[in-house]
């Protein structure tokens, strides 16, 4: 799950605390102070960018474990199949996350002859305190810069991202898709619209209430805590995108670019029904596909959607989560063989303690509302995609690396 999913659910409580003057105490540890060194942006080449980001992370990251090299690698932007020039995909991560979120997808695609490149958004990869000085404009400018760089190196360029990264690349497409000949958009759990009205307050209270919640940092691939300016930057991306989608002129509000999306129906914060509507109405190219992980399919022609049930009791899965779309069950951190669990999942403190103690758990999104037959289950976050291989097959069809007739074909 992108970090904004966790914080949107708590933003209401944070706002109440602010109004009642009972705000959280601000930690003064190095984790929660911003760096005195500027994150490298607008670097003239990708190789120089990798060099500069690595130097920045080694200088500024507050490490959470003893394996510093591993933590740097997990947070570094990366590229695979770099010798390929015919087809490439540029991917942008979500709020609080890192390029590690694309490792499984990238490796699967690179193995099939597709070049995949990722970037690290400013404020990420080092320490939560560096989110105190981020802005939507900074993230959008960096995304646009890397689209321009990558367009010079591949003939058929696709762009996309996870969560907030999907917002940034969609916004870029309105002004850049035609100029840079973008062949398609590839989105995982796009965060086009939040379910929570109160999230709209974030851009207005980010300086007054910088830390809505502070958590122990125990995940080497993402932040558990985020500063309100980071959440506000996400919300600004929503505002900009929704303004584009709601233009009075149909030509202005639609994108004639092929699009591929993977959406978890029970995503607890993202308004998935709205996303399905905008997939239908705002993306007008005939080549498009929505993989819908859930039980209640949106009103779309069958040729445009692959529905995948997430009621998988044999795997103790109740529903897909925001983050689960991206990872293989073999992922070393998030797969089935890992001992790492995300137990802070919107359930009661007793259930969370039982999860942390190692009891048998079921898996779902943050804040999952158990159905009658599931009451009493202890939940952890679902962190992998049980249909990962099927999703990769569909991605290959979308990018023309397998028979196009297979695109959006149910398996």
Protein backbone atom coordinates (compact mmCIF):
# COMPACT_ATOMS: atom_id res chain seq x y z
CA UNK A 1 0.00 0.00 0.00
CA UNK A 2 1.27 3.44 -0.80
CA UNK A 3 1.81 5.41 2.38
CA UNK A 4 -0.94 7.91 1.48
CA UNK A 5 -3.52 5.12 1.91
CA UNK A 6 -2.56 4.80 5.56
CA UNK A 7 -2.48 8.50 6.25
CA UNK A 8 -5.68 9.46 4.50
CA UNK A 9 -7.54 7.24 6.91
CA UNK A 10 -5.94 9.11 9.80
CA UNK A 11 -6.10 12.61 8.39
CA UNK A 12 -9.52 13.22 9.87
CA UNK A 13 -8.25 12.38 13.36
CA UNK A 14 -5.20 14.52 12.75
CA UNK A 15 -7.37 17.46 11.75
CA UNK A 16 -9.51 17.10 14.86
CA UNK A 17 -6.35 17.02 16.95
CA UNK A 18 -5.11 20.17 15.26
CA UNK A 19 -8.35 22.03 15.84
CA UNK A 20 -8.43 21.00 19.49
CA UNK A 21 -4.77 21.97 19.88
CA UNK A 22 -3.81 18.44 20.80
CA UNK A 23 -1.42 17.81 17.93
CA UNK A 24 1.13 15.04 17.96
CA UNK A 25 4.50 15.80 19.45
CA UNK A 26 7.17 16.25 16.80
CA UNK A 27 10.15 13.97 16.99
CA UNK A 28 13.50 15.75 16.80
CA UNK A 29 15.48 12.65 15.85
CA UNK A 30 17.46 12.67 12.64
CA UNK A 31 14.75 10.51 11.03
CA UNK A 32 12.31 13.40 11.24
CA UNK A 33 14.52 16.34 10.30
CA UNK A 34 15.09 17.32 6.71
CA UNK A 35 18.53 17.08 5.11
CA UNK A 36 20.79 20.06 4.54
CA UNK A 37 21.76 18.69 1.11
CA UNK A 38 19.51 19.17 -1.91
CA UNK A 39 18.15 16.06 -3.63
CA UNK A 40 19.62 15.80 -7.16
CA UNK A 41 17.04 16.85 -9.75
CA UNK A 42 17.07 17.60 -13.49
CA UNK A 43 20.36 15.73 -13.92
CA UNK A 44 21.49 15.75 -17.55
CA UNK A 45 21.73 11.98 -18.09
CA UNK A 46 20.39 8.87 -16.39
CA UNK A 47 23.86 7.51 -15.64
CA UNK A 48 24.82 10.76 -13.92
CA UNK A 49 21.48 10.73 -12.13
CA UNK A 50 22.19 7.27 -10.69
CA UNK A 51 25.63 8.42 -9.56
CA UNK A 52 24.27 11.55 -7.87
CA UNK A 53 21.33 9.82 -6.19
CA UNK A 54 23.54 7.06 -4.81
CA UNK A 55 25.92 9.64 -3.34
CA UNK A 56 22.98 11.53 -1.85
CA UNK A 57 21.47 8.43 -0.25
CA UNK A 58 24.76 7.29 1.26
CA UNK A 59 25.22 10.76 2.74
CA UNK A 60 21.67 11.38 3.96
CA UNK A 61 19.87 8.10 4.60
CA UNK A 62 19.13 7.17 8.19
CA UNK A 63 19.58 3.41 8.05
CA UNK A 64 17.16 1.17 9.90
CA UNK A 65 19.41 -1.91 9.92
CA UNK A 66 23.01 -2.99 9.60
CA UNK A 67 22.98 -3.84 5.88
CA UNK A 68 23.50 -0.38 4.45
CA UNK A 69 24.29 -1.55 0.93
CA UNK A 70 21.04 -3.52 0.76
CA UNK A 71 18.98 -0.55 1.92
CA UNK A 72 20.62 1.71 -0.65
CA UNK A 73 19.96 -0.83 -3.41
CA UNK A 74 16.30 -1.16 -2.42
CA UNK A 75 15.77 2.59 -2.59
CA UNK A 76 17.88 3.39 -5.64
CA UNK A 77 16.36 4.10 -9.03
CA UNK A 78 17.33 1.34 -11.44
CA UNK A 79 17.16 0.21 -15.02
CA UNK A 80 17.22 -3.28 -16.54
CA UNK A 81 17.66 -4.44 -20.14
CA UNK A 82 19.48 -1.15 -20.68
CA UNK A 83 20.79 -2.33 -24.06
CA UNK A 84 17.24 -2.51 -25.48
CA UNK A 85 16.20 0.50 -27.55
CA UNK A 86 13.00 -0.56 -29.30
CA UNK A 87 10.58 -0.73 -26.33
CA UNK A 88 10.91 0.85 -22.91
CA UNK A 89 8.78 1.67 -19.87
CA UNK A 90 9.42 4.50 -17.40
CA UNK A 91 7.82 3.87 -14.00
CA UNK A 92 7.25 6.30 -11.11
CA UNK A 93 6.59 5.08 -7.56
CA UNK A 94 4.04 6.20 -4.99
CA UNK A 95 4.03 8.41 -1.91
CA UNK A 96 6.47 7.18 0.71
CA UNK A 97 7.54 4.25 -1.46
CA UNK A 98 10.64 3.49 -3.54
CA UNK A 99 11.66 2.02 -6.89
CA UNK A 100 11.86 -1.35 -5.14
CA UNK A 101 8.10 -1.57 -5.66
CA UNK A 102 8.79 -2.21 -9.37
CA UNK A 103 11.51 -4.85 -8.97
CA UNK A 104 9.32 -7.86 -9.74
CA UNK A 105 7.42 -6.29 -12.63
CA UNK A 106 10.62 -4.87 -14.12
CA UNK A 107 12.51 -8.15 -13.98
CA UNK A 108 9.65 -10.06 -15.60
CA UNK A 109 9.40 -7.53 -18.43
CA UNK A 110 13.14 -7.15 -18.93
CA UNK A 111 13.39 -10.93 -19.30
CA UNK A 112 11.08 -10.55 -22.31
CA UNK A 113 13.15 -7.84 -23.99
CA UNK A 114 11.49 -4.70 -22.61
CA UNK A 115 13.68 -2.01 -21.11
CA UNK A 116 12.39 -0.73 -17.75
CA UNK A 117 13.62 2.42 -16.05
CA UNK A 118 12.56 3.81 -12.66
CA UNK A 119 13.16 7.07 -10.82
CA UNK A 120 13.23 8.14 -7.18
CA UNK A 121 11.03 11.10 -6.33
CA UNK A 122 12.58 13.87 -4.18
CA UNK A 123 12.03 13.34 -0.46
CA UNK A 124 12.15 9.57 -0.73
CA UNK A 125 14.71 6.89 0.04
CA UNK A 126 16.61 8.80 2.71
CA UNK A 127 14.46 9.55 5.77
CA UNK A 128 10.89 10.69 6.47
CA UNK A 129 12.11 14.15 7.45
CA UNK A 130 13.00 14.86 3.84
CA UNK A 131 9.29 14.89 3.04
CA UNK A 132 9.01 18.18 4.94
CA UNK A 133 10.29 20.12 1.94
CA UNK A 134 8.64 18.37 -1.02
CA UNK A 135 5.99 19.76 -3.35
CA UNK A 136 3.77 18.52 -6.14
CA UNK A 137 5.51 20.84 -8.61
CA UNK A 138 8.88 19.34 -7.73
CA UNK A 139 7.62 15.80 -8.34
CA UNK A 140 5.87 16.73 -11.58
CA UNK A 141 8.91 18.55 -12.95
CA UNK A 142 11.15 15.59 -12.16
CA UNK A 143 8.72 13.15 -13.78
CA UNK A 144 8.52 15.29 -16.92
CA UNK A 145 12.32 15.62 -17.05
CA UNK A 146 12.80 11.86 -17.05
CA UNK A 147 10.13 11.36 -19.70
CA UNK A 148 12.11 13.69 -21.96
CA UNK A 149 15.39 11.88 -21.20
CA UNK A 150 13.95 8.43 -21.80
CA UNK A 151 12.22 9.42 -25.04
CA UNK A 152 15.68 9.96 -26.58
CA UNK A 153 16.75 6.40 -25.81
CA UNK A 154 13.82 4.17 -26.85
CA UNK A 155 11.73 4.03 -29.99
CA UNK A 156 8.48 2.93 -28.33
CA UNK A 157 8.13 4.59 -24.93
CA UNK A 158 5.51 3.66 -22.35
CA UNK A 159 5.16 5.54 -19.08
CA UNK A 160 3.23 4.88 -15.89
CA UNK A 161 3.44 4.27 -12.22
CA UNK A 162 2.06 3.10 -8.94
CA UNK A 163 -0.43 5.19 -6.97
CA UNK A 164 0.82 8.81 -6.93
CA UNK A 165 3.23 7.90 -9.73
CA UNK A 166 0.23 7.06 -11.91
CA UNK A 167 -1.14 10.55 -11.26
CA UNK A 168 2.12 12.24 -12.21
CA UNK A 169 2.56 10.33 -15.46
CA UNK A 170 -1.09 10.81 -16.46
CA UNK A 171 -0.83 14.55 -15.88
CA UNK A 172 2.37 14.59 -17.94
CA UNK A 173 0.58 12.82 -20.77
CA UNK A 174 -1.87 15.65 -21.30
CA UNK A 175 0.93 17.90 -22.49
CA UNK A 176 3.68 15.44 -23.47
CA UNK A 177 2.11 12.29 -24.95
CA UNK A 178 1.87 13.55 -28.50
CA UNK A 179 5.14 15.49 -28.51
CA UNK A 180 7.15 12.58 -27.14
CA UNK A 181 5.11 9.86 -28.86
CA UNK A 182 4.03 8.04 -25.71
CA UNK A 183 2.76 4.62 -26.80
CA UNK A 184 0.74 3.89 -23.70
CA UNK A 185 0.18 4.32 -19.97
CA UNK A 186 0.73 1.49 -17.48
CA UNK A 187 -0.78 2.06 -14.04
CA UNK A 188 -0.86 0.01 -10.85
CA UNK A 189 -3.42 1.10 -8.24
CA UNK A 190 -3.75 4.61 -9.71
CA UNK A 191 -4.59 7.17 -7.03
CA UNK A 192 -6.70 9.46 -9.18
CA UNK A 193 -9.17 10.22 -6.40
CA UNK A 194 -9.32 9.61 -2.65
CA UNK A 195 -12.42 8.32 -0.90
CA UNK A 196 -11.98 10.90 1.88
CA UNK A 197 -13.21 14.48 1.58
CA UNK A 198 -10.96 15.46 4.48
CA UNK A 199 -7.85 14.63 2.42
CA UNK A 200 -8.52 17.84 0.50
CA UNK A 201 -7.43 19.73 3.61
CA UNK A 202 -3.85 18.46 3.45
CA UNK A 203 -2.47 21.26 1.23
CA UNK A 204 -3.82 23.84 3.67
CA UNK A 205 -2.55 22.40 6.96
CA UNK A 206 0.79 20.94 5.93
CA UNK A 207 2.80 23.73 7.59
CA UNK A 208 0.61 23.87 10.69
CA UNK A 209 0.53 20.15 11.33
CA UNK A 210 3.61 18.58 9.71
CA UNK A 211 3.43 15.15 11.37
CA UNK A 212 -0.02 13.51 11.45
CA UNK A 213 1.52 10.33 12.80
CA UNK A 214 4.98 9.05 13.60
CA UNK A 215 5.71 5.33 13.37
CA UNK A 216 8.72 3.15 13.99
CA UNK A 217 10.67 2.76 10.77
CA UNK A 218 11.15 -0.96 10.17
CA UNK A 219 10.59 -1.32 6.41
CA UNK A 220 13.70 -0.92 4.24
CA UNK A 221 11.64 -0.31 1.07
CA UNK A 222 9.38 2.56 2.16
CA UNK A 223 8.56 4.99 4.96
CA UNK A 224 6.09 4.12 7.71
CA UNK A 225 5.85 7.81 8.63
CA UNK A 226 5.31 10.68 6.28
CA UNK A 227 5.19 14.43 6.74
CA UNK A 228 2.03 16.30 5.84
CA UNK A 229 3.77 18.19 2.98
CA UNK A 230 4.19 14.83 1.25
CA UNK A 231 0.53 14.05 1.66
CA UNK A 232 -0.32 17.56 0.44
CA UNK A 233 1.82 17.02 -2.66
CA UNK A 234 -0.14 13.86 -3.41
CA UNK A 235 -3.43 15.73 -2.96
CA UNK A 236 -2.25 18.49 -5.29
CA UNK A 237 -1.64 15.83 -7.95
CA UNK A 238 -5.24 14.69 -7.45
CA UNK A 239 -6.51 18.25 -7.77
CA UNK A 240 -4.57 18.90 -10.97
CA UNK A 241 -5.63 15.62 -12.53
CA UNK A 242 -9.30 15.99 -11.63
CA UNK A 243 -9.28 19.50 -13.09
CA UNK A 244 -7.92 18.05 -16.33
CA UNK A 245 -10.50 15.25 -16.32
CA UNK A 246 -13.38 17.70 -15.77
CA UNK A 247 -12.66 20.22 -18.54
CA UNK A 248 -15.81 21.35 -20.35
CA UNK A 249 -14.27 20.59 -23.74
CA UNK A 250 -14.25 16.85 -24.45
CA UNK A 251 -11.05 17.12 -26.46
CA UNK A 252 -9.33 18.76 -23.52
CA UNK A 253 -10.42 16.27 -20.86
CA UNK A 254 -9.61 13.02 -22.68
CA UNK A 255 -6.38 11.22 -23.47
CA UNK A 256 -6.16 9.37 -26.76
CA UNK A 257 -3.39 7.14 -25.45
CA UNK A 258 -3.61 3.36 -24.88
CA UNK A 259 -3.92 2.53 -21.18
CA UNK A 260 -3.44 -0.52 -18.97
CA UNK A 261 -4.57 -0.45 -15.34
CA UNK A 262 -4.58 -2.84 -12.40
CA UNK A 263 -7.04 -1.87 -9.65
CA UNK A 264 -7.88 -3.52 -6.31
CA UNK A 265 -11.63 -3.15 -5.78
CA UNK A 266 -11.41 -3.05 -1.96
CA UNK A 267 -8.61 -0.46 -1.91
CA UNK A 268 -9.71 1.27 1.28
CA UNK A 269 -8.76 4.85 0.42
CA UNK A 270 -8.69 5.17 -3.37
CA UNK A 271 -12.12 5.65 -4.95
CA UNK A 272 -11.92 2.63 -7.25
CA UNK A 273 -15.38 3.07 -8.77
CA UNK A 274 -14.42 6.61 -9.80
CA UNK A 275 -11.20 5.32 -11.29
CA UNK A 276 -13.16 2.75 -13.33
CA UNK A 277 -15.45 5.53 -14.57
CA UNK A 278 -12.50 7.67 -15.59
CA UNK A 279 -10.84 4.69 -17.27
CA UNK A 280 -14.05 4.40 -19.32
CA UNK A 281 -14.66 8.09 -20.03
CA UNK A 282 -11.33 9.92 -20.01
CA UNK A 283 -9.14 7.44 -21.86
CA UNK A 284 -10.60 7.24 -25.34
CA UNK A 285 -8.12 5.09 -27.27
CA UNK A 286 -9.59 1.75 -28.33
CA UNK A 287 -6.60 -0.13 -26.93
CA UNK A 288 -7.13 -0.30 -23.20
CA UNK A 289 -7.51 -2.90 -20.48
CA UNK A 290 -8.50 -2.85 -16.81
CA UNK A 291 -7.54 -5.74 -14.54
CA UNK A 292 -10.11 -5.57 -11.74
CA UNK A 293 -9.20 -7.52 -8.61
CA UNK A 294 -12.49 -7.97 -6.81
CA UNK A 295 -15.95 -9.47 -6.82
CA UNK A 296 -18.14 -6.68 -8.19
CA UNK A 297 -17.14 -5.71 -11.71
CA UNK A 298 -17.72 -2.10 -12.82
CA UNK A 299 -19.98 -1.42 -15.78
CA UNK A 300 -17.52 -1.89 -18.64
CA UNK A 301 -17.64 -3.90 -21.86
CA UNK A 302 -16.22 -7.38 -21.29
CA UNK A 303 -13.51 -6.77 -23.90
CA UNK A 304 -12.05 -4.00 -21.72
CA UNK A 305 -11.85 -5.79 -18.38
CA UNK A 306 -10.34 -8.86 -16.76
CA UNK A 307 -12.02 -9.61 -13.45
CA UNK A 308 -10.09 -11.64 -10.90
CA UNK A 309 -11.71 -12.92 -7.74
CA UNK A 310 -9.82 -12.14 -4.55
CA UNK A 311 -11.86 -14.47 -2.38
CA UNK A 312 -9.12 -17.08 -2.11
CA UNK A 313 -9.68 -18.96 1.19
CA UNK A 314 -7.07 -21.61 0.36
CA UNK A 315 -4.50 -18.79 0.52
CA UNK A 316 -6.30 -17.01 3.39
CA UNK A 317 -6.88 -13.98 1.14
CA UNK A 318 -10.05 -11.90 1.52
CA UNK A 319 -9.30 -8.99 -0.82
CA UNK A 320 -6.52 -7.28 -2.75
CA UNK A 321 -4.74 -4.31 -1.22
CA UNK A 322 -3.40 -1.09 -2.73
CA UNK A 323 0.17 -2.41 -2.80
CA UNK A 324 -0.44 -6.07 -3.58
CA UNK A 325 -0.85 -5.56 -7.33
CA UNK A 326 2.91 -5.13 -7.82
CA UNK A 327 4.60 -8.05 -6.10
CA UNK A 328 5.19 -11.67 -6.96
CA UNK A 329 4.56 -14.31 -4.31
CA UNK A 330 8.30 -15.02 -4.59
CA UNK A 331 9.37 -11.51 -3.55
CA UNK A 332 11.95 -11.75 -0.77
CA UNK A 333 10.34 -9.04 1.38
CA UNK A 334 6.64 -9.20 0.47
CA UNK A 335 6.15 -12.76 -0.82
CA UNK A 336 4.78 -15.85 0.85
CA UNK A 337 8.13 -17.06 2.19
CA UNK A 338 8.95 -13.78 3.94
CA UNK A 339 8.46 -13.42 7.69
CA UNK A 340 7.84 -9.68 7.28
CA UNK A 341 4.24 -8.71 8.09
CA UNK A 342 2.34 -5.45 8.04
CA UNK A 343 0.04 -5.91 11.02
CA UNK A 344 -0.93 -2.25 11.45
CA UNK A 345 -3.91 -2.84 9.21
CA UNK A 346 -6.79 -0.83 10.67
CA UNK A 347 -7.91 -3.56 13.06
CA UNK A 348 -8.15 -3.56 16.83
CA UNK A 349 -5.06 -3.47 19.02
CA UNK A 350 -5.66 -7.04 20.24
CA UNK A 351 -5.80 -8.38 16.69
CA UNK A 352 -2.73 -6.37 15.74
CA UNK A 353 -0.82 -7.79 18.71
CA UNK A 354 -1.84 -11.32 17.75
CA UNK A 355 -0.64 -10.69 14.21
CA UNK A 356 2.70 -9.39 15.48
CA UNK A 357 2.99 -12.40 17.78
CA UNK A 358 2.99 -14.70 14.76
CA UNK A 359 -0.51 -16.15 14.87
CA UNK A 360 -2.06 -17.45 11.67
CA UNK A 361 -3.46 -14.50 9.73
CA UNK A 362 -5.67 -13.73 6.78
CA UNK A 363 -4.72 -11.11 4.22
CA UNK A 364 -6.44 -8.05 2.84
CA UNK A 365 -6.27 -4.26 2.45
CA UNK A 366 -5.98 -1.71 5.24
CA UNK A 367 -9.28 -1.36 7.08
CA UNK A 368 -10.85 -4.44 5.52
CA UNK A 369 -14.42 -4.98 6.75
CA UNK A 370 -14.78 -8.69 7.34
CA UNK A 371 -17.85 -10.45 6.01
CA UNK A 372 -19.95 -12.62 8.29
CA UNK A 373 -17.99 -15.81 7.70
CA UNK A 374 -14.70 -13.93 8.23
CA UNK A 375 -15.49 -12.34 11.58
CA UNK A 376 -12.82 -13.27 14.10
CA UNK A 377 -10.00 -13.49 11.57
CA UNK A 378 -6.79 -11.64 12.35
CA UNK A 379 -5.54 -9.68 9.32
CA UNK A 380 -2.22 -8.60 7.90
CA UNK A 381 -1.77 -6.56 4.73
CA UNK A 382 -1.84 -8.55 1.50
CA UNK A 383 1.54 -7.75 0.00
CA UNK A 384 1.63 -9.88 -3.16
CA UNK A 385 -0.45 -10.50 -6.26
CA UNK A 386 -1.70 -14.10 -6.62
CA UNK A 387 -2.28 -13.34 -10.32
CA UNK A 388 1.15 -11.83 -10.91
CA UNK A 389 2.07 -14.07 -13.87
CA UNK A 390 -1.28 -13.40 -15.55
CA UNK A 391 -0.75 -9.67 -15.12
CA UNK A 392 2.68 -9.92 -16.76
CA UNK A 393 1.18 -11.82 -19.70
CA UNK A 394 -1.35 -9.02 -20.16
CA UNK A 395 1.41 -6.40 -19.96
CA UNK A 396 3.32 -8.22 -22.68
CA UNK A 397 0.21 -8.20 -24.85
CA UNK A 398 -0.30 -4.50 -24.18
CA UNK A 399 3.26 -3.64 -25.22
CA UNK A 400 3.13 -5.85 -28.31
CA UNK A 401 5.54 -8.46 -27.01
CA UNK A 402 2.91 -11.18 -27.40
CA UNK A 403 -0.16 -11.59 -29.59
CA UNK A 404 -2.29 -8.47 -29.34
CA UNK A 405 -5.45 -10.59 -29.47
CA UNK A 406 -4.67 -11.76 -25.95
CA UNK A 407 -5.00 -8.27 -24.48
CA UNK A 408 -7.72 -8.20 -21.84
CA UNK A 409 -8.53 -11.86 -22.44
CA UNK A 410 -9.76 -13.64 -19.33
CA UNK A 411 -7.76 -16.68 -18.27
